[in-house]
Amino acid sequence: MKDDGARMKFDNPRAASHQPSMCPKPVKPAPRPERVSLFSYLLRFRKDILSAQPVRLYRAWMAEFRTPFFRSFLCNDPELIDRVLSERPEDFPKSTRLFEGLVPLLGHSIFITNGAEWQRQRRIIDPAFESGRLREVFPAMWDAAVAGGDRLAEMADGRVIDVEPQMSHIALDVIFRTLFSLPVEDSTAQAVFAAFKAHQASRPMINSASFLPLPRWVPRLRSRKTRESAWQIRDLIRQLVDARAEQIATGTAPDDLATRIMTTRDPESGFCFTREEMVDQVGIFLLAGHETSAAALAWALYLLALSPKWQDRLAGEAQRAIDPEKIYFSTVSKLKTARAVFRETMRLYPPVPMYLREAACPTRFRSRSVPKGAQVVISPWHLHRHELFWQDPDGFDPGRWETPAGRDSARIAYLPFSKGARVCPGSAFAMTEGPLILAMLMRRYRVSLDEDNPPVPVAQLTVRGRDGIRLRFTPRHPDQACA
């Protein structure tokens, strides 16, 4: 691997005025040695994308990696990132290399497609996520957060629990309530929840096409568990889509996201999604909408357990701002600490650690030739911890978001939802859901670490704990939070 070092200096004279956080450093995967064989790299990559990378990527502007099968360029230079994601997205379409394993589940959903097909899908989907819609689905988010807090009550006795499945349950409940007006306790929703757990365990992103540039006609070698769990999920989604189509036909469908997406016509062609296209889209809503949110929430709870000061500050804010008997959308604007904690969590543990693009034509990056077909990697994981952009880059400090230096860093080196034409359409949804759930949980519970079993971050579908994220919950009394 060749790296293009720090030729440019990120000069922010205001950075020195902000004191770094004094809480212990959050966990971070150990990087690999600088020089490894291709075979060793592939073995490390198969286990975890993050620990397969060298430490120099936290300070390089660009790095080139060559194998007999492909060339890739990891870009941390803000100018290159803007070129790839915002200025010339048509020259750098989404690469399907790492997502080949998701095709059995996601089909031709908006997550995978490019060009005219992707544009048509966005024209139909985007209206459902307009800012005004957020207020309408907010009560469903609220109800899911309350239900999640209630489920934790029987476990909040100081025992060690893995919070990842608990946060997955809450996040999937939010998606089902806002998409299909069903709580996750519904039998179909529960079946989808179990099937998604099995699909994640099958490690779908590890397949032959992840490493080799195979032609389209070559069969993909996917595990039996991956194929079976994907089929099960899609079959369950078909049942939901068919039931909603019947409700739409009889005029009895609730006015939720599924109804709006299924009844929205492409303004150019005049057509709605077909049944199978809707199954594809629901698949990515369930995957992206619950998997990424669940990962961020679980890491946020770990970080709050690591920093009791911030935990108490958030709990105090939540107790002042939230009246559990009254659902007010205006509550969101009062959760400034919860929002800062959630943003800082996605800086340290971005749910999607890397975005993969492909050069559609030859070009040049920082005086280097980039051939057609080369893989272009934008890595939020490295960008969010880059030593030249962030003060105390590995530290947990939600206070940085209120400083000029923190805002300057975020402007050029923070993209948990990507940017440009392919920015996540559900970003506002996530930034409402995440802080609300954190606030709801912290106003009721105190969370602490399992000192004997710190989590180990690994990246497969999203950034998760290798063996889970194990924490303790106990009931919180009002006088335990800072005023």
Protein backbone atom coordinates (compact mmCIF):
# COMPACT_ATOMS: atom_id res chain seq x y z
CA MET A 1 0.00 0.00 0.00
CA LYS A 2 1.24 3.47 -0.89
CA ASP A 3 0.06 6.44 1.09
CA ASP A 4 -0.06 10.11 0.24
CA GLY A 5 0.91 11.67 3.55
CA ALA A 6 -0.03 14.91 5.22
CA ARG A 7 1.20 17.38 2.62
CA MET A 8 -1.54 19.78 3.61
CA LYS A 9 -2.04 20.92 7.18
CA PHE A 10 -5.46 21.40 8.73
CA ASP A 11 -4.86 24.73 10.39
CA ASN A 12 -7.55 25.78 12.84
CA PRO A 13 -6.22 28.28 15.40
CA ARG A 14 -9.45 28.01 17.42
CA ALA A 15 -8.92 24.30 18.09
CA ALA A 16 -6.56 24.97 20.96
CA SER A 17 -9.27 26.77 22.91
CA HIS A 18 -11.26 23.56 23.37
CA GLN A 19 -10.09 21.16 26.05
CA PRO A 20 -10.23 17.43 25.18
CA SER A 21 -12.49 15.09 27.09
CA MET A 22 -10.97 13.57 30.25
CA CYS A 23 -13.01 10.33 30.19
CA PRO A 24 -11.25 7.06 29.24
CA LYS A 25 -10.65 6.48 25.55
CA PRO A 26 -13.39 4.45 23.84
CA VAL A 27 -12.42 1.10 22.37
CA LYS A 28 -10.86 1.02 18.92
CA PRO A 29 -9.77 -1.97 16.82
CA ALA A 30 -6.04 -2.60 16.65
CA PRO A 31 -4.70 -1.86 13.14
CA ARG A 32 -2.74 -4.43 11.22
CA PRO A 33 1.05 -4.28 10.76
CA GLU A 34 2.21 -1.96 7.99
CA ARG A 35 3.37 -4.78 5.72
CA VAL A 36 1.41 -8.00 5.29
CA SER A 37 1.04 -10.52 2.51
CA LEU A 38 -2.01 -10.49 0.27
CA PHE A 39 -3.16 -13.76 1.82
CA SER A 40 -2.83 -12.35 5.33
CA TYR A 41 -4.72 -9.20 4.30
CA LEU A 42 -7.59 -11.23 2.84
CA LEU A 43 -7.81 -13.32 6.02
CA ARG A 44 -7.95 -10.17 8.14
CA PHE A 45 -10.48 -8.57 5.81
CA ARG A 46 -12.71 -11.62 6.05
CA LYS A 47 -12.80 -11.29 9.84
CA ASP A 48 -13.12 -7.52 10.05
CA ILE A 49 -12.74 -4.68 7.55
CA LEU A 50 -11.44 -2.19 10.13
CA SER A 51 -8.56 -4.13 11.69
CA ALA A 52 -7.41 -5.14 8.20
CA GLN A 53 -6.29 -1.53 7.59
CA PRO A 54 -2.93 0.06 8.60
CA VAL A 55 -2.68 2.83 11.18
CA ARG A 56 -1.34 5.33 8.63
CA LEU A 57 -4.85 5.78 7.22
CA TYR A 58 -5.71 7.91 10.25
CA ARG A 59 -3.29 10.58 9.04
CA ALA A 60 -2.96 10.06 5.25
CA TRP A 61 -4.75 12.13 2.63
CA MET A 62 -4.93 9.22 0.24
CA ALA A 63 -3.74 5.63 0.02
CA GLU A 64 -3.47 3.28 -2.93
CA PHE A 65 -3.77 -0.46 -2.55
CA ARG A 66 -2.88 -2.92 -5.34
CA THR A 67 -3.67 -6.60 -5.65
CA PRO A 68 -3.58 -8.93 -8.65
CA PHE A 69 -7.37 -8.57 -8.86
CA PHE A 70 -8.10 -4.87 -8.34
CA ARG A 71 -6.73 -1.46 -7.40
CA SER A 72 -8.35 0.70 -4.76
CA PHE A 73 -7.85 4.27 -3.60
CA LEU A 74 -8.91 5.37 -0.12
CA CYS A 75 -9.55 9.12 -0.05
CA ASN A 76 -9.44 11.30 3.07
CA ASP A 77 -8.74 14.51 1.15
CA PRO A 78 -11.92 16.67 1.45
CA GLU A 79 -11.47 17.92 -2.12
CA LEU A 80 -11.42 14.37 -3.47
CA ILE A 81 -14.40 13.39 -1.34
CA ASP A 82 -16.40 16.31 -2.73
CA ARG A 83 -15.39 15.36 -6.27
CA VAL A 84 -16.45 11.74 -5.85
CA LEU A 85 -19.66 12.20 -3.85
CA SER A 86 -20.94 15.65 -4.82
CA GLU A 87 -19.36 17.18 -7.91
CA ARG A 88 -19.06 14.20 -10.27
CA PRO A 89 -21.17 11.35 -8.84
CA GLU A 90 -21.96 10.04 -12.32
CA ASP A 91 -18.22 9.39 -12.85
CA PHE A 92 -18.05 7.44 -9.59
CA PRO A 93 -21.15 5.20 -9.37
CA LYS A 94 -21.68 2.98 -6.37
CA SER A 95 -19.58 -0.15 -6.56
CA THR A 96 -21.41 -3.38 -5.88
CA ARG A 97 -18.22 -5.26 -4.94
CA LEU A 98 -18.82 -5.35 -1.21
CA PHE A 99 -22.59 -5.58 -1.55
CA GLU A 100 -22.81 -8.60 -3.86
CA GLY A 101 -23.73 -10.67 -0.82
CA LEU A 102 -26.77 -8.48 -0.12
CA VAL A 103 -28.38 -9.00 -3.53
CA PRO A 104 -30.42 -12.05 -2.41
CA LEU A 105 -32.01 -9.84 0.26
CA LEU A 106 -32.12 -6.40 -1.36
CA GLY A 107 -32.59 -7.28 -5.04
CA HIS A 108 -32.44 -4.05 -7.07
CA SER A 109 -33.21 -1.67 -4.23
CA ILE A 110 -32.11 1.94 -4.04
CA PHE A 111 -29.07 0.89 -1.98
CA ILE A 112 -27.52 -1.05 -4.87
CA THR A 113 -28.70 0.53 -8.12
CA ASN A 114 -27.09 3.30 -10.17
CA GLY A 115 -28.01 5.62 -13.02
CA ALA A 116 -31.53 6.02 -14.34
CA GLU A 117 -32.91 3.15 -12.25
CA TRP A 118 -31.63 4.72 -9.04
CA GLN A 119 -32.93 8.17 -10.04
CA ARG A 120 -36.43 6.75 -10.66
CA GLN A 121 -36.40 5.05 -7.26
CA ARG A 122 -35.37 8.27 -5.49
CA ARG A 123 -38.16 10.22 -7.22
CA ILE A 124 -40.70 7.83 -5.71
CA ILE A 125 -39.12 7.42 -2.26
CA ASP A 126 -37.96 10.95 -1.42
CA PRO A 127 -41.47 12.47 -0.96
CA ALA A 128 -42.15 10.01 1.88
CA PHE A 129 -39.20 11.42 3.83
CA GLU A 130 -39.85 15.13 3.38
CA SER A 131 -39.38 17.16 6.54
CA GLY A 132 -43.10 17.62 7.12
CA ARG A 133 -43.63 13.85 7.23
CA LEU A 134 -41.35 13.55 10.26
CA ARG A 135 -43.85 15.25 12.51
CA GLU A 136 -46.53 12.80 11.40
CA VAL A 137 -44.52 9.64 12.21
CA PHE A 138 -43.11 11.06 15.45
CA PRO A 139 -45.82 9.50 17.69
CA ALA A 140 -44.87 6.05 16.33
CA MET A 141 -41.22 6.70 17.26
CA TRP A 142 -42.31 7.82 20.71
CA ASP A 143 -44.41 4.71 21.28
CA ALA A 144 -41.56 2.44 20.19
CA ALA A 145 -39.15 4.21 22.56
CA VAL A 146 -41.58 3.83 25.48
CA ALA A 147 -42.13 0.14 24.67
CA GLY A 148 -38.37 -0.41 24.51
CA GLY A 149 -37.88 1.19 27.89
CA ASP A 150 -40.63 -0.99 29.34
CA ARG A 151 -38.97 -4.16 28.00
CA LEU A 152 -35.71 -3.21 29.70
CA ALA A 153 -37.39 -2.89 33.10
CA GLU A 154 -37.15 -6.58 33.94
CA MET A 155 -33.44 -6.60 33.05
CA ALA A 156 -32.53 -3.40 34.92
CA ASP A 157 -31.34 -5.09 38.11
CA GLY A 158 -27.60 -4.69 37.61
CA ARG A 159 -27.07 -7.91 35.67
CA VAL A 160 -24.86 -7.78 32.58
CA ILE A 161 -26.84 -7.82 29.32
CA ASP A 162 -25.90 -7.49 25.66
CA VAL A 163 -27.55 -4.25 24.55
CA GLU A 164 -27.22 -4.90 20.83
CA PRO A 165 -30.28 -7.17 20.52
CA GLN A 166 -32.25 -4.82 22.77
CA MET A 167 -31.44 -1.83 20.55
CA SER A 168 -32.17 -3.91 17.43
CA HIS A 169 -35.60 -4.66 18.87
CA ILE A 170 -36.34 -0.98 19.53
CA ALA A 171 -35.04 0.17 16.13
CA LEU A 172 -36.99 -2.49 14.25
CA ASP A 173 -40.08 -1.54 16.24
CA VAL A 174 -39.67 2.05 15.06
CA ILE A 175 -39.43 0.92 11.44
CA PHE A 176 -42.47 -1.35 11.64
CA ARG A 177 -44.60 1.25 13.41
CA THR A 178 -43.69 4.04 10.95
CA LEU A 179 -43.66 1.87 7.81
CA PHE A 180 -46.54 -0.55 8.37
CA SER A 181 -48.30 0.77 11.53
CA LEU A 182 -47.43 -2.51 13.30
CA PRO A 183 -45.55 -2.93 16.57
CA VAL A 184 -42.66 -5.37 16.42
CA GLU A 185 -44.58 -7.73 18.73
CA ASP A 186 -46.82 -8.52 15.77
CA SER A 187 -46.12 -12.11 14.69
CA THR A 188 -44.89 -11.14 11.21
CA ALA A 189 -42.63 -8.42 12.59
CA GLN A 190 -41.20 -10.84 15.14
CA ALA A 191 -40.46 -13.35 12.38
CA VAL A 192 -38.63 -10.66 10.37
CA PHE A 193 -36.65 -9.70 13.48
CA ALA A 194 -35.51 -13.30 14.00
CA ALA A 195 -34.69 -13.73 10.32
CA PHE A 196 -32.55 -10.56 10.26
CA LYS A 197 -30.54 -11.89 13.20
CA ALA A 198 -29.92 -15.11 11.29
CA HIS A 199 -29.00 -13.18 8.12
CA GLN A 200 -26.45 -11.03 9.95
CA ALA A 201 -24.94 -14.13 11.55
CA SER A 202 -24.45 -15.66 8.09
CA ARG A 203 -21.98 -12.85 7.18
CA PRO A 204 -23.52 -12.16 3.75
CA MET A 205 -20.86 -9.65 2.65
CA ILE A 206 -18.17 -12.33 2.65
CA ASN A 207 -18.44 -14.07 -0.72
CA SER A 208 -16.34 -14.71 -3.81
CA ALA A 209 -17.32 -11.43 -5.51
CA SER A 210 -16.12 -9.39 -2.51
CA PHE A 211 -12.53 -10.10 -3.51
CA LEU A 212 -12.58 -11.08 -7.19
CA PRO A 213 -13.82 -8.98 -10.15
CA LEU A 214 -16.18 -11.64 -11.44
CA PRO A 215 -18.30 -11.16 -14.59
CA ARG A 216 -22.05 -10.93 -14.06
CA TRP A 217 -22.65 -14.37 -15.57
CA VAL A 218 -20.39 -16.17 -13.06
CA PRO A 219 -22.45 -17.74 -10.22
CA ARG A 220 -21.85 -16.17 -6.81
CA LEU A 221 -20.81 -18.53 -4.05
CA ARG A 222 -23.03 -17.59 -1.13
CA SER A 223 -23.56 -19.64 1.98
CA ARG A 224 -26.73 -21.68 2.37
CA LYS A 225 -27.60 -19.73 5.54
CA THR A 226 -27.32 -16.43 3.67
CA ARG A 227 -29.62 -17.61 0.89
CA GLU A 228 -32.16 -19.19 3.23
CA SER A 229 -32.41 -16.23 5.62
CA ALA A 230 -32.70 -13.77 2.70
CA TRP A 231 -35.49 -15.86 1.16
CA GLN A 232 -37.31 -16.02 4.50
CA ILE A 233 -37.13 -12.24 4.99
CA ARG A 234 -38.33 -11.49 1.46
CA ASP A 235 -41.21 -13.94 1.82
CA LEU A 236 -42.31 -12.22 5.02
CA ILE A 237 -42.00 -8.80 3.38
CA ARG A 238 -44.13 -10.00 0.46
CA GLN A 239 -46.88 -10.89 2.92
CA LEU A 240 -46.77 -7.36 4.36
CA VAL A 241 -46.71 -5.74 0.91
CA ASP A 242 -49.59 -7.89 -0.36
CA ALA A 243 -51.68 -7.13 2.71
CA ARG A 244 -51.05 -3.40 2.30
CA ALA A 245 -51.86 -3.53 -1.43
CA GLU A 246 -55.24 -5.08 -0.57
CA GLN A 247 -55.89 -2.35 2.03
CA ILE A 248 -55.00 0.33 -0.51
CA ALA A 249 -57.38 -1.23 -3.03
CA THR A 250 -60.26 -1.23 -0.51
CA GLY A 251 -59.49 2.23 0.85
CA THR A 252 -58.68 0.97 4.36
CA ALA A 253 -54.89 1.49 4.35
CA PRO A 254 -53.37 3.60 7.16
CA ASP A 255 -51.58 6.77 6.10
CA ASP A 256 -48.07 5.57 6.90
CA LEU A 257 -44.79 5.39 4.98
CA ALA A 258 -45.60 2.12 3.21
CA THR A 259 -48.89 3.46 1.88
CA ARG A 260 -47.30 6.67 0.70
CA ILE A 261 -44.43 4.93 -1.08
CA MET A 262 -46.72 2.34 -2.69
CA THR A 263 -49.14 5.00 -3.96
CA THR A 264 -46.54 7.54 -5.15
CA ARG A 265 -46.11 7.65 -8.91
CA ASP A 266 -42.87 8.52 -10.62
CA PRO A 267 -43.53 12.06 -11.93
CA GLU A 268 -41.72 11.22 -15.18
CA SER A 269 -43.08 7.76 -16.06
CA GLY A 270 -46.34 7.83 -14.10
CA PHE A 271 -45.74 4.33 -12.70
CA CYS A 272 -45.64 3.13 -9.09
CA PHE A 273 -43.33 0.45 -7.73
CA THR A 274 -44.26 -3.09 -8.73
CA ARG A 275 -44.79 -5.69 -6.02
CA GLU A 276 -41.23 -7.04 -6.27
CA GLU A 277 -39.75 -3.54 -6.45
CA MET A 278 -41.58 -2.66 -3.24
CA VAL A 279 -40.21 -5.82 -1.61
CA ASP A 280 -36.70 -4.69 -2.63
CA GLN A 281 -37.23 -1.23 -1.11
CA VAL A 282 -38.75 -2.52 2.13
CA GLY A 283 -35.74 -4.80 2.45
CA ILE A 284 -33.34 -1.85 2.47
CA PHE A 285 -35.62 0.18 4.78
CA LEU A 286 -35.54 -2.66 7.28
CA LEU A 287 -31.80 -3.23 6.89
CA ALA A 288 -30.65 0.39 6.81
CA GLY A 289 -33.39 1.78 9.01
CA HIS A 290 -33.02 -0.70 11.84
CA GLU A 291 -29.51 -2.11 11.54
CA THR A 292 -27.70 1.25 11.40
CA SER A 293 -29.86 2.85 14.11
CA ALA A 294 -29.47 -0.16 16.38
CA ALA A 295 -25.68 -0.09 15.99
CA ALA A 296 -25.50 3.64 16.77
CA LEU A 297 -27.78 3.32 19.81
CA ALA A 298 -25.80 0.42 21.26
CA TRP A 299 -22.50 2.30 20.91
CA ALA A 300 -24.09 5.44 22.36
CA LEU A 301 -25.07 3.51 25.49
CA TYR A 302 -21.51 2.18 25.78
CA LEU A 303 -20.09 5.71 25.50
CA LEU A 304 -22.52 7.03 28.12
CA ALA A 305 -21.50 4.19 30.44
CA LEU A 306 -17.89 5.22 29.84
CA SER A 307 -18.66 8.85 30.74
CA PRO A 308 -21.00 9.19 33.76
CA LYS A 309 -20.72 12.98 33.51
CA TRP A 310 -22.30 13.08 30.08
CA GLN A 311 -24.77 10.38 31.04
CA ASP A 312 -26.06 12.43 33.96
CA ARG A 313 -26.19 15.58 31.87
CA LEU A 314 -28.29 13.79 29.24
CA ALA A 315 -30.56 12.25 31.88
CA GLY A 316 -31.16 15.63 33.48
CA GLU A 317 -32.05 17.15 30.13
CA ALA A 318 -34.42 14.27 29.39
CA GLN A 319 -36.19 14.56 32.73
CA ARG A 320 -36.76 18.26 32.16
CA ALA A 321 -37.78 18.03 28.50
CA ILE A 322 -39.92 14.88 28.37
CA ASP A 323 -43.39 14.48 29.77
CA PRO A 324 -44.10 10.76 29.19
CA GLU A 325 -47.84 11.44 29.10
CA LYS A 326 -47.63 14.06 26.33
CA ILE A 327 -46.25 13.47 22.85
CA TYR A 328 -44.91 16.80 21.61
CA PHE A 329 -42.79 17.00 18.46
CA SER A 330 -41.25 20.16 19.90
CA THR A 331 -39.52 17.92 22.49
CA VAL A 332 -36.93 17.08 19.83
CA SER A 333 -35.58 20.64 19.78
CA LYS A 334 -35.01 20.50 23.55
CA LEU A 335 -32.79 17.40 23.41
CA LYS A 336 -29.58 19.23 22.53
CA THR A 337 -27.33 17.06 24.71
CA ALA A 338 -28.89 13.86 23.40
CA ARG A 339 -28.34 15.07 19.86
CA ALA A 340 -24.69 15.93 20.57
CA VAL A 341 -24.12 12.51 22.14
CA PHE A 342 -25.70 10.78 19.14
CA ARG A 343 -23.63 12.82 16.68
CA GLU A 344 -20.45 12.08 18.60
CA THR A 345 -21.34 8.40 18.66
CA MET A 346 -21.67 8.33 14.88
CA ARG A 347 -18.34 10.11 14.61
CA LEU A 348 -16.54 7.45 16.65
CA TYR A 349 -18.60 4.48 15.47
CA PRO A 350 -20.16 5.36 12.10
CA PRO A 351 -22.71 2.58 11.41
CA VAL A 352 -21.58 2.35 7.77
CA PRO A 353 -17.79 2.53 8.04
CA MET A 354 -16.95 2.77 4.32
CA TYR A 355 -18.61 3.91 1.10
CA LEU A 356 -17.43 2.14 -2.03
CA ARG A 357 -17.48 3.75 -5.47
CA GLU A 358 -15.98 2.76 -8.81
CA ALA A 359 -14.17 4.93 -11.34
CA ALA A 360 -16.30 4.91 -14.50
CA CYS A 361 -13.49 6.47 -16.53
CA PRO A 362 -9.75 7.12 -16.07
CA THR A 363 -8.94 10.09 -13.84
CA ARG A 364 -6.27 11.44 -11.51
CA PHE A 365 -6.21 11.78 -7.72
CA ARG A 366 -3.47 13.98 -6.24
CA SER A 367 -1.23 13.50 -9.32
CA ARG A 368 -1.81 9.73 -9.40
CA SER A 369 -3.46 7.87 -12.26
CA VAL A 370 -6.73 6.16 -11.37
CA PRO A 371 -7.69 3.58 -14.02
CA LYS A 372 -11.24 2.84 -15.11
CA GLY A 373 -12.76 0.20 -12.83
CA ALA A 374 -10.62 1.10 -9.82
CA GLN A 375 -12.38 0.96 -6.46
CA VAL A 376 -12.68 4.32 -4.67
CA VAL A 377 -13.15 4.10 -0.91
CA ILE A 378 -14.52 6.93 1.22
CA SER A 379 -14.09 5.83 4.82
CA PRO A 380 -16.09 7.64 7.50
CA TRP A 381 -14.31 5.41 10.03
CA HIS A 382 -10.92 6.93 9.20
CA LEU A 383 -12.18 10.38 8.25
CA HIS A 384 -14.05 10.79 11.56
CA ARG A 385 -10.88 9.93 13.51
CA HIS A 386 -8.40 11.69 11.23
CA GLU A 387 -5.56 13.21 13.22
CA LEU A 388 -5.38 16.35 11.04
CA PHE A 389 -9.07 17.19 11.23
CA TRP A 390 -10.12 16.47 14.78
CA GLN A 391 -8.77 17.48 18.16
CA ASP A 392 -8.54 14.41 20.39
CA PRO A 393 -9.86 12.29 17.51
CA ASP A 394 -10.28 9.08 19.54
CA GLY A 395 -11.85 10.80 22.54
CA PHE A 396 -15.56 10.91 23.39
CA ASP A 397 -16.49 14.58 23.71
CA PRO A 398 -20.03 15.64 22.73
CA GLY A 399 -19.05 19.18 23.75
CA ARG A 400 -16.98 19.54 20.59
CA TRP A 401 -20.17 20.08 18.57
CA GLU A 402 -20.73 23.43 20.28
CA THR A 403 -17.26 24.77 19.46
CA PRO A 404 -16.13 26.60 16.30
CA ALA A 405 -13.35 24.03 15.83
CA GLY A 406 -15.76 21.13 16.10
CA ARG A 407 -18.16 22.67 13.60
CA ASP A 408 -15.29 23.36 11.19
CA SER A 409 -14.12 19.76 11.46
CA ALA A 410 -17.64 18.45 10.89
CA ARG A 411 -18.02 20.58 7.78
CA ILE A 412 -15.18 18.82 5.98
CA ALA A 413 -14.70 15.51 7.80
CA TYR A 414 -18.07 14.20 9.01
CA LEU A 415 -20.39 12.19 6.78
CA PRO A 416 -22.25 9.42 8.63
CA PHE A 417 -25.06 9.67 6.07
CA SER A 418 -22.80 10.19 3.03
CA LYS A 419 -23.29 13.42 1.03
CA GLY A 420 -24.20 14.68 -2.40
CA ALA A 421 -26.84 13.03 -4.58
CA ARG A 422 -26.71 9.75 -2.65
CA VAL A 423 -27.07 11.23 0.82
CA CYS A 424 -29.27 8.98 2.95
CA PRO A 425 -32.93 10.02 2.50
CA GLY A 426 -33.64 8.94 6.08
CA SER A 427 -30.97 11.09 7.77
CA ALA A 428 -33.49 13.46 9.40
CA PHE A 429 -35.50 10.43 10.50
CA ALA A 430 -32.41 8.91 12.16
CA MET A 431 -31.41 12.19 13.84
CA THR A 432 -34.88 12.40 15.39
CA GLU A 433 -35.18 8.74 16.35
CA GLY A 434 -31.70 8.32 17.89
CA PRO A 435 -31.66 11.23 20.36
CA LEU A 436 -35.29 10.58 21.35
CA ILE A 437 -34.63 6.92 22.21
CA LEU A 438 -31.45 7.77 24.12
CA ALA A 439 -33.29 10.42 26.12
CA MET A 440 -36.21 8.08 26.86
CA LEU A 441 -33.85 5.39 28.14
CA MET A 442 -31.56 7.66 30.17
CA ARG A 443 -34.42 9.37 31.98
CA ARG A 444 -35.38 5.92 33.34
CA TYR A 445 -32.10 4.04 33.70
CA ARG A 446 -28.48 4.40 34.68
CA VAL A 447 -26.08 2.39 32.53
CA SER A 448 -22.62 1.15 33.55
CA LEU A 449 -19.79 -0.87 32.02
CA ASP A 450 -19.02 -4.54 32.27
CA GLU A 451 -15.38 -3.92 33.16
CA ASP A 452 -14.37 -7.52 32.47
CA ASN A 453 -15.70 -7.61 28.90
CA PRO A 454 -15.06 -4.40 26.94
CA PRO A 455 -16.57 -4.47 23.44
CA VAL A 456 -14.38 -4.98 20.37
CA PRO A 457 -15.57 -3.03 17.29
CA VAL A 458 -15.79 -5.04 14.07
CA ALA A 459 -17.33 -4.13 10.72
CA GLN A 460 -19.41 -6.48 8.63
CA LEU A 461 -22.82 -5.10 7.66
CA THR A 462 -22.38 -2.31 10.23
CA VAL A 463 -19.95 -1.52 13.05
CA ARG A 464 -20.93 -3.86 15.87
CA GLY A 465 -19.31 -5.44 18.91
CA ARG A 466 -17.49 -8.67 18.05
CA ASP A 467 -19.06 -10.40 21.05
CA GLY A 468 -21.82 -7.86 21.63
CA ILE A 469 -21.81 -4.74 23.82
CA ARG A 470 -22.31 -5.80 27.41
CA LEU A 471 -23.60 -3.26 29.95
CA ARG A 472 -25.56 -3.06 33.21
CA PHE A 473 -28.84 -1.18 33.72
CA THR A 474 -30.32 0.00 37.01
CA PRO A 475 -33.34 2.23 37.65
CA ARG A 476 -32.57 5.92 37.78
CA HIS A 477 -34.13 8.18 40.38
CA PRO A 478 -34.79 11.84 39.56
CA ASP A 479 -32.13 13.08 42.00
CA GLN A 480 -29.43 11.04 40.19
CA ALA A 481 -29.39 13.38 37.21
CA CYS A 482 -27.64 16.72 37.08
CA ALA A 483 -29.98 19.70 37.24
